[in-house]
Amino acid sequence: MTVLSPRLIQVTWQAPKYSGDSVIGYEVSYNQSTAAKDTTIVVGEDTFGQEIRDLTPYTYYQVQVAAKSFGITGPKSFAKVVQTLEDGKLERAKSPFAHSQPPFFSFYYYLFGVYLS
């Protein structure tokens, strides 16, 4: 996950390890870390990245991605938290909370889950 500006972040992910039922798309869910309700963007099966726009400057956001199949949505990825830049700053910054993968995860999640890059 990369912060591009005070109001824009770029989210990327990897496809699930197992896609027994064909993946037909992905749900990118995000919210301000203090908000209870997610905003969701649905993208196609060959999409492995999405810009999230119109964010509030200098604010923490939690982001998760889930693979979609016919009639079913897989488990959400482990959440990553990122802080948008202050107004007037445009440099690219990696999330200080962005970890490649959690140290422990279930076998089901490993096979069917999506990992944020």
C-alpha atoms as a PDB file:
ATOM      1  CA  MET A   1       0.000   0.000   0.000  1.00  0.00           C
ATOM      2  CA  THR A   2       1.412   3.371  -0.994  1.00  0.00           C
ATOM      3  CA  VAL A   3       0.339   6.875  -0.022  1.00  0.00           C
ATOM      4  CA  LEU A   4       0.408   9.044  -3.157  1.00  0.00           C
ATOM      5  CA  SER A   5      -0.991  12.328  -1.840  1.00  0.00           C
ATOM      6  CA  PRO A   6      -3.039  13.757   1.045  1.00  0.00           C
ATOM      7  CA  ARG A   7      -6.222  12.414  -0.585  1.00  0.00           C
ATOM      8  CA  LEU A   8      -5.031   9.341  -2.510  1.00  0.00           C
ATOM      9  CA  ILE A   9      -3.599   5.901  -1.708  1.00  0.00           C
ATOM     10  CA  GLN A  10      -2.709   2.990  -3.999  1.00  0.00           C
ATOM     11  CA  VAL A  11      -3.650  -0.513  -2.818  1.00  0.00           C
ATOM     12  CA  THR A  12      -2.180  -3.622  -4.460  1.00  0.00           C
ATOM     13  CA  TRP A  13      -2.722  -7.310  -3.715  1.00  0.00           C
ATOM     14  CA  GLN A  14      -1.930 -10.834  -4.839  1.00  0.00           C
ATOM     15  CA  ALA A  15      -4.478 -13.362  -6.071  1.00  0.00           C
ATOM     16  CA  PRO A  16      -5.470 -16.168  -3.688  1.00  0.00           C
ATOM     17  CA  LYS A  17      -3.226 -19.262  -3.731  1.00  0.00           C
ATOM     18  CA  TYR A  18      -6.229 -21.457  -4.527  1.00  0.00           C
ATOM     19  CA  SER A  19      -9.065 -20.417  -6.767  1.00  0.00           C
ATOM     20  CA  GLY A  20     -11.147 -23.602  -7.026  1.00  0.00           C
ATOM     21  CA  ASP A  21     -14.263 -21.603  -7.789  1.00  0.00           C
ATOM     22  CA  SER A  22     -13.177 -19.003 -10.292  1.00  0.00           C
ATOM     23  CA  VAL A  23     -12.398 -15.572  -8.924  1.00  0.00           C
ATOM     24  CA  ILE A  24     -14.718 -13.107 -10.654  1.00  0.00           C
ATOM     25  CA  GLY A  25     -13.508  -9.976  -8.875  1.00  0.00           C
ATOM     26  CA  TYR A  26     -12.307  -8.370  -5.666  1.00  0.00           C
ATOM     27  CA  GLU A  27     -13.866  -6.166  -3.002  1.00  0.00           C
ATOM     28  CA  VAL A  28     -11.610  -3.404  -1.678  1.00  0.00           C
ATOM     29  CA  SER A  29     -12.997  -2.200   1.673  1.00  0.00           C
ATOM     30  CA  TYR A  30     -11.708   0.810   3.575  1.00  0.00           C
ATOM     31  CA  ASN A  31     -12.693   3.123   6.390  1.00  0.00           C
ATOM     32  CA  GLN A  32     -11.277   5.779   8.654  1.00  0.00           C
ATOM     33  CA  SER A  33      -9.822   3.973  11.629  1.00  0.00           C
ATOM     34  CA  THR A  34     -12.488   5.546  13.857  1.00  0.00           C
ATOM     35  CA  ALA A  35     -15.401   4.702  11.536  1.00  0.00           C
ATOM     36  CA  ALA A  36     -17.515   1.586  11.946  1.00  0.00           C
ATOM     37  CA  LYS A  37     -18.811   1.380   8.364  1.00  0.00           C
ATOM     38  CA  ASP A  38     -16.689   0.302   5.395  1.00  0.00           C
ATOM     39  CA  THR A  39     -16.749   1.831   1.942  1.00  0.00           C
ATOM     40  CA  THR A  40     -16.387  -0.898  -0.697  1.00  0.00           C
ATOM     41  CA  ILE A  41     -15.088  -0.753  -4.267  1.00  0.00           C
ATOM     42  CA  VAL A  42     -15.643  -3.791  -6.524  1.00  0.00           C
ATOM     43  CA  VAL A  43     -13.074  -4.472  -9.265  1.00  0.00           C
ATOM     44  CA  GLY A  44     -12.635  -7.165 -11.911  1.00  0.00           C
ATOM     45  CA  GLU A  45     -10.843 -10.497 -11.739  1.00  0.00           C
ATOM     46  CA  ASP A  46      -7.703  -9.334 -13.571  1.00  0.00           C
ATOM     47  CA  THR A  47      -7.257  -6.266 -11.367  1.00  0.00           C
ATOM     48  CA  PHE A  48      -4.597  -6.416  -8.629  1.00  0.00           C
ATOM     49  CA  GLY A  49      -4.502  -2.758  -7.623  1.00  0.00           C
ATOM     50  CA  GLN A  50      -6.849   0.132  -6.954  1.00  0.00           C
ATOM     51  CA  GLU A  51      -6.502   3.813  -6.166  1.00  0.00           C
ATOM     52  CA  ILE A  52      -8.655   5.074  -3.325  1.00  0.00           C
ATOM     53  CA  ARG A  53      -9.459   8.759  -3.832  1.00  0.00           C
ATOM     54  CA  ASP A  54     -11.146  11.662  -2.051  1.00  0.00           C
ATOM     55  CA  LEU A  55      -9.672  10.769   1.339  1.00  0.00           C
ATOM     56  CA  THR A  56      -9.205  13.148   4.250  1.00  0.00           C
ATOM     57  CA  PRO A  57      -5.637  14.490   4.621  1.00  0.00           C
ATOM     58  CA  TYR A  58      -3.515  13.339   7.572  1.00  0.00           C
ATOM     59  CA  THR A  59      -6.002  10.614   8.551  1.00  0.00           C
ATOM     60  CA  TYR A  60      -5.566   6.903   9.318  1.00  0.00           C
ATOM     61  CA  TYR A  61      -7.414   4.432   7.085  1.00  0.00           C
ATOM     62  CA  GLN A  62      -7.852   0.686   7.422  1.00  0.00           C
ATOM     63  CA  VAL A  63      -7.899  -1.286   4.133  1.00  0.00           C
ATOM     64  CA  GLN A  64      -8.858  -4.910   3.379  1.00  0.00           C
ATOM     65  CA  VAL A  65      -9.395  -6.917   0.180  1.00  0.00           C
ATOM     66  CA  ALA A  66     -11.507 -10.042  -0.430  1.00  0.00           C
ATOM     67  CA  ALA A  67     -11.823 -12.260  -3.514  1.00  0.00           C
ATOM     68  CA  LYS A  68     -15.310 -12.766  -4.971  1.00  0.00           C
ATOM     69  CA  SER A  69     -16.623 -15.884  -6.671  1.00  0.00           C
ATOM     70  CA  PHE A  70     -20.087 -16.781  -7.916  1.00  0.00           C
ATOM     71  CA  GLY A  71     -22.440 -16.063  -5.019  1.00  0.00           C
ATOM     72  CA  ILE A  72     -19.690 -15.990  -2.393  1.00  0.00           C
ATOM     73  CA  THR A  73     -17.081 -13.579  -1.055  1.00  0.00           C
ATOM     74  CA  GLY A  74     -13.924 -15.017   0.497  1.00  0.00           C
ATOM     75  CA  PRO A  75     -12.386 -13.913   3.791  1.00  0.00           C
ATOM     76  CA  LYS A  76     -11.048 -10.380   3.965  1.00  0.00           C
ATOM     77  CA  SER A  77      -7.294  -9.906   4.001  1.00  0.00           C
ATOM     78  CA  PHE A  78      -5.639  -8.929   7.232  1.00  0.00           C
ATOM     79  CA  ALA A  79      -6.217  -5.200   7.674  1.00  0.00           C
ATOM     80  CA  LYS A  80      -3.479  -2.735   6.864  1.00  0.00           C
ATOM     81  CA  VAL A  81      -3.496   0.752   8.283  1.00  0.00           C
ATOM     82  CA  VAL A  82      -2.072   3.755   6.456  1.00  0.00           C
ATOM     83  CA  GLN A  83      -2.032   7.474   7.177  1.00  0.00           C
ATOM     84  CA  THR A  84      -2.620   9.937   4.366  1.00  0.00           C
ATOM     85  CA  LEU A  85      -0.190  12.838   4.008  1.00  0.00           C
ATOM     86  CA  GLU A  86      -0.687  16.336   5.314  1.00  0.00           C
ATOM     87  CA  ASP A  87      -2.063  18.893   2.858  1.00  0.00           C
ATOM     88  CA  GLY A  88       0.690  20.273   0.628  1.00  0.00           C
ATOM     89  CA  LYS A  89       2.845  17.105   0.726  1.00  0.00           C
ATOM     90  CA  LEU A  90       3.069  14.925  -2.367  1.00  0.00           C
ATOM     91  CA  GLU A  91       5.933  12.505  -1.745  1.00  0.00           C
ATOM     92  CA  ARG A  92       5.291   8.783  -1.867  1.00  0.00           C
ATOM     93  CA  ALA A  93       5.314   7.152   1.548  1.00  0.00           C
ATOM     94  CA  LYS A  94       4.892   3.532   2.575  1.00  0.00           C
ATOM     95  CA  SER A  95       2.611   2.758   5.460  1.00  0.00           C
ATOM     96  CA  PRO A  96       4.548   2.443   8.723  1.00  0.00           C
ATOM     97  CA  PHE A  97       2.102  -0.329   9.629  1.00  0.00           C
ATOM     98  CA  ALA A  98       2.393  -2.269   6.362  1.00  0.00           C
ATOM     99  CA  HIS A  99       3.699  -5.779   6.987  1.00  0.00           C
ATOM    100  CA  SER A 100       4.167  -8.315   4.228  1.00  0.00           C
ATOM    101  CA  GLN A 101       2.217 -11.104   5.945  1.00  0.00           C
ATOM    102  CA  PRO A 102       1.191 -11.934   9.473  1.00  0.00           C
ATOM    103  CA  PRO A 103       3.397 -14.542  11.168  1.00  0.00           C
ATOM    104  CA  PHE A 104       0.462 -16.910  11.775  1.00  0.00           C
ATOM    105  CA  PHE A 105      -2.519 -17.615   9.591  1.00  0.00           C
ATOM    106  CA  SER A 106      -4.949 -20.448   9.089  1.00  0.00           C
ATOM    107  CA  PHE A 107      -4.542 -22.997   6.319  1.00  0.00           C
ATOM    108  CA  TYR A 108      -7.949 -21.977   4.948  1.00  0.00           C
ATOM    109  CA  TYR A 109      -6.885 -18.357   4.828  1.00  0.00           C
ATOM    110  CA  TYR A 110      -3.611 -19.267   3.140  1.00  0.00           C
ATOM    111  CA  LEU A 111      -5.478 -21.072   0.370  1.00  0.00           C
ATOM    112  CA  PHE A 112      -8.461 -18.809  -0.114  1.00  0.00           C
ATOM    113  CA  GLY A 113      -7.469 -15.413   1.269  1.00  0.00           C
ATOM    114  CA  VAL A 114      -5.995 -12.377  -0.438  1.00  0.00           C
ATOM    115  CA  TYR A 115      -2.792 -10.702   0.733  1.00  0.00           C
ATOM    116  CA  LEU A 116      -2.318  -6.958   0.434  1.00  0.00           C
ATOM    117  CA  SER A 117       1.042  -6.053  -1.050  1.00  0.00           C
END
